[in-house]
Amino acid sequence: EDSDCDNFTDLDFHESFMGTYLYVRLLLYTRANLDCGQELPHHNFIQEPLFNITRPTTFVIHGYRPTGAPPIWINHIVHFLAAQKDMNILVVDWNRGAANLNYFTAVANTRGTAVNITGFIESME
């Protein structure tokens, strides 16, 4: 795999057991980089050459991750969406925050994740 790719956060069980802090990453996929995500900055994202503000943007958001492993379905949904339409596909990687044996801690982190995504969407307008 290309070393310039930004991959979904892969945590080990120990991190999930100890708990993680919330950290949200936006991984951009387009038809031009289907197998190589690019982390999109939350500010000045227009400068990312692969991000095209005139294309539709779709967010893919995972849920609770008790073990910290990346969801196995992410790549499938990215490819499926790209086959439907030329779009910006943003995988919201909040694995640091979702990976916790305490489900209620992960639930509490959904609010911070939502605020983060909302801020990004508002900056697109």
Protein backbone atom coordinates (compact mmCIF):
# COMPACT_ATOMS: atom_id res chain seq x y z
CA GLU A 1 0.00 0.00 0.00
CA ASP A 2 1.17 3.52 -0.79
CA SER A 3 2.96 5.13 2.15
CA ASP A 4 1.38 8.48 1.22
CA CYS A 5 -2.08 7.12 1.99
CA ASP A 6 -3.88 8.09 5.17
CA ASN A 7 -5.43 4.97 6.60
CA PHE A 8 -8.29 4.52 9.02
CA THR A 9 -7.05 4.50 12.61
CA ASP A 10 -6.31 0.94 13.72
CA LEU A 11 -6.22 0.60 17.50
CA ASP A 12 -5.34 -2.48 19.48
CA PHE A 13 -7.50 -4.06 22.15
CA HIS A 14 -5.34 -2.57 24.92
CA GLU A 15 -6.21 0.96 23.76
CA SER A 16 -9.87 0.03 23.65
CA PHE A 17 -9.63 -1.43 27.15
CA MET A 18 -7.87 1.63 28.57
CA GLY A 19 -10.11 4.05 26.68
CA THR A 20 -9.26 6.64 24.07
CA TYR A 21 -9.71 10.37 23.66
CA LEU A 22 -11.87 11.77 20.88
CA TYR A 23 -9.99 12.67 17.73
CA VAL A 24 -11.86 13.10 14.45
CA ARG A 25 -10.19 12.66 11.07
CA LEU A 26 -11.78 13.20 7.66
CA LEU A 27 -10.40 10.82 5.03
CA LEU A 28 -11.13 11.93 1.47
CA TYR A 29 -11.75 9.42 -1.31
CA THR A 30 -12.66 10.21 -4.91
CA ARG A 31 -12.63 8.24 -8.13
CA ALA A 32 -9.01 9.37 -8.50
CA ASN A 33 -7.90 7.85 -5.16
CA LEU A 34 -10.30 5.03 -4.35
CA ASP A 35 -7.72 2.95 -2.50
CA CYS A 36 -5.67 5.74 -0.98
CA GLY A 37 -7.43 8.04 1.46
CA GLN A 38 -6.13 11.55 1.99
CA GLU A 39 -6.66 13.21 5.35
CA LEU A 40 -8.53 16.43 4.73
CA PRO A 41 -7.70 19.36 6.99
CA HIS A 42 -10.69 20.82 8.80
CA HIS A 43 -9.63 24.29 7.66
CA ASN A 44 -8.30 25.29 4.23
CA PHE A 45 -9.60 22.01 2.80
CA ILE A 46 -10.24 23.78 -0.51
CA GLN A 47 -6.46 23.65 -1.06
CA GLU A 48 -6.59 19.83 -1.23
CA PRO A 49 -6.40 19.16 -4.99
CA LEU A 50 -8.57 16.03 -4.83
CA PHE A 51 -11.43 17.83 -3.07
CA ASN A 52 -13.78 19.49 -5.56
CA ILE A 53 -16.32 21.77 -3.89
CA THR A 54 -18.58 21.60 -6.97
CA ARG A 55 -19.03 17.83 -6.60
CA PRO A 56 -21.53 16.36 -4.16
CA THR A 57 -20.01 15.32 -0.84
CA THR A 58 -21.08 12.19 1.03
CA PHE A 59 -20.08 11.38 4.60
CA VAL A 60 -19.50 7.78 5.72
CA ILE A 61 -19.68 7.53 9.51
CA HIS A 62 -18.98 4.36 11.47
CA GLY A 63 -20.40 3.54 14.87
CA TYR A 64 -19.20 2.02 18.11
CA ARG A 65 -15.94 0.08 17.79
CA PRO A 66 -15.50 -2.11 20.90
CA THR A 67 -12.15 -3.57 19.83
CA GLY A 68 -10.65 -0.59 17.98
CA ALA A 69 -10.29 -2.47 14.68
CA PRO A 70 -11.23 -0.60 11.49
CA PRO A 71 -14.68 -1.44 10.09
CA ILE A 72 -14.28 -4.06 7.35
CA TRP A 73 -17.04 -2.49 5.25
CA ILE A 74 -15.44 0.96 4.74
CA ASN A 75 -13.60 0.13 1.49
CA HIS A 76 -16.68 -1.58 0.07
CA ILE A 77 -18.94 1.42 0.68
CA VAL A 78 -16.34 3.85 -0.72
CA HIS A 79 -16.12 1.83 -3.95
CA PHE A 80 -19.91 1.46 -4.12
CA LEU A 81 -20.52 5.20 -3.71
CA ALA A 82 -17.84 6.14 -6.26
CA ALA A 83 -19.44 3.79 -8.79
CA GLN A 84 -22.75 5.60 -8.39
CA LYS A 85 -21.56 9.17 -8.95
CA ASP A 86 -18.44 11.32 -9.13
CA MET A 87 -18.32 12.72 -5.61
CA ASN A 88 -16.19 13.60 -2.62
CA ILE A 89 -16.47 10.72 -0.15
CA LEU A 90 -15.46 11.67 3.37
CA VAL A 91 -14.92 8.79 5.75
CA VAL A 92 -15.29 10.18 9.25
CA ASP A 93 -12.68 8.35 11.32
CA TRP A 94 -13.57 8.89 14.96
CA ASN A 95 -12.16 5.53 16.04
CA ARG A 96 -10.33 7.41 18.80
CA GLY A 97 -13.49 8.04 20.72
CA ALA A 98 -15.58 5.17 19.38
CA ALA A 99 -13.14 2.49 20.56
CA ASN A 100 -13.92 1.91 24.19
CA LEU A 101 -15.16 -1.09 26.09
CA ASN A 102 -17.49 1.30 27.92
CA TYR A 103 -20.25 1.82 25.37
CA PHE A 104 -21.58 4.89 27.18
CA THR A 105 -18.24 6.68 26.86
CA ALA A 106 -18.36 6.12 23.11
CA VAL A 107 -21.97 7.36 23.05
CA ALA A 108 -20.90 10.55 24.84
CA ASN A 109 -18.20 11.06 22.18
CA THR A 110 -20.80 11.05 19.39
CA ARG A 111 -21.76 14.60 20.36
CA GLY A 112 -18.22 15.88 19.89
CA THR A 113 -18.01 14.05 16.58
CA ALA A 114 -21.28 15.62 15.43
CA VAL A 115 -20.06 19.11 16.39
CA ASN A 116 -16.87 18.49 14.41
CA ILE A 117 -18.74 17.34 11.30
CA THR A 118 -21.25 20.20 11.62
CA GLY A 119 -18.42 22.73 11.72
CA PHE A 120 -16.89 21.22 8.60
CA ILE A 121 -20.22 21.29 6.72
CA GLU A 122 -20.82 24.90 7.73
CA SER A 123 -17.38 25.86 6.43
CA MET A 124 -18.31 24.34 3.05
CA GLU A 125 -21.21 26.77 2.61
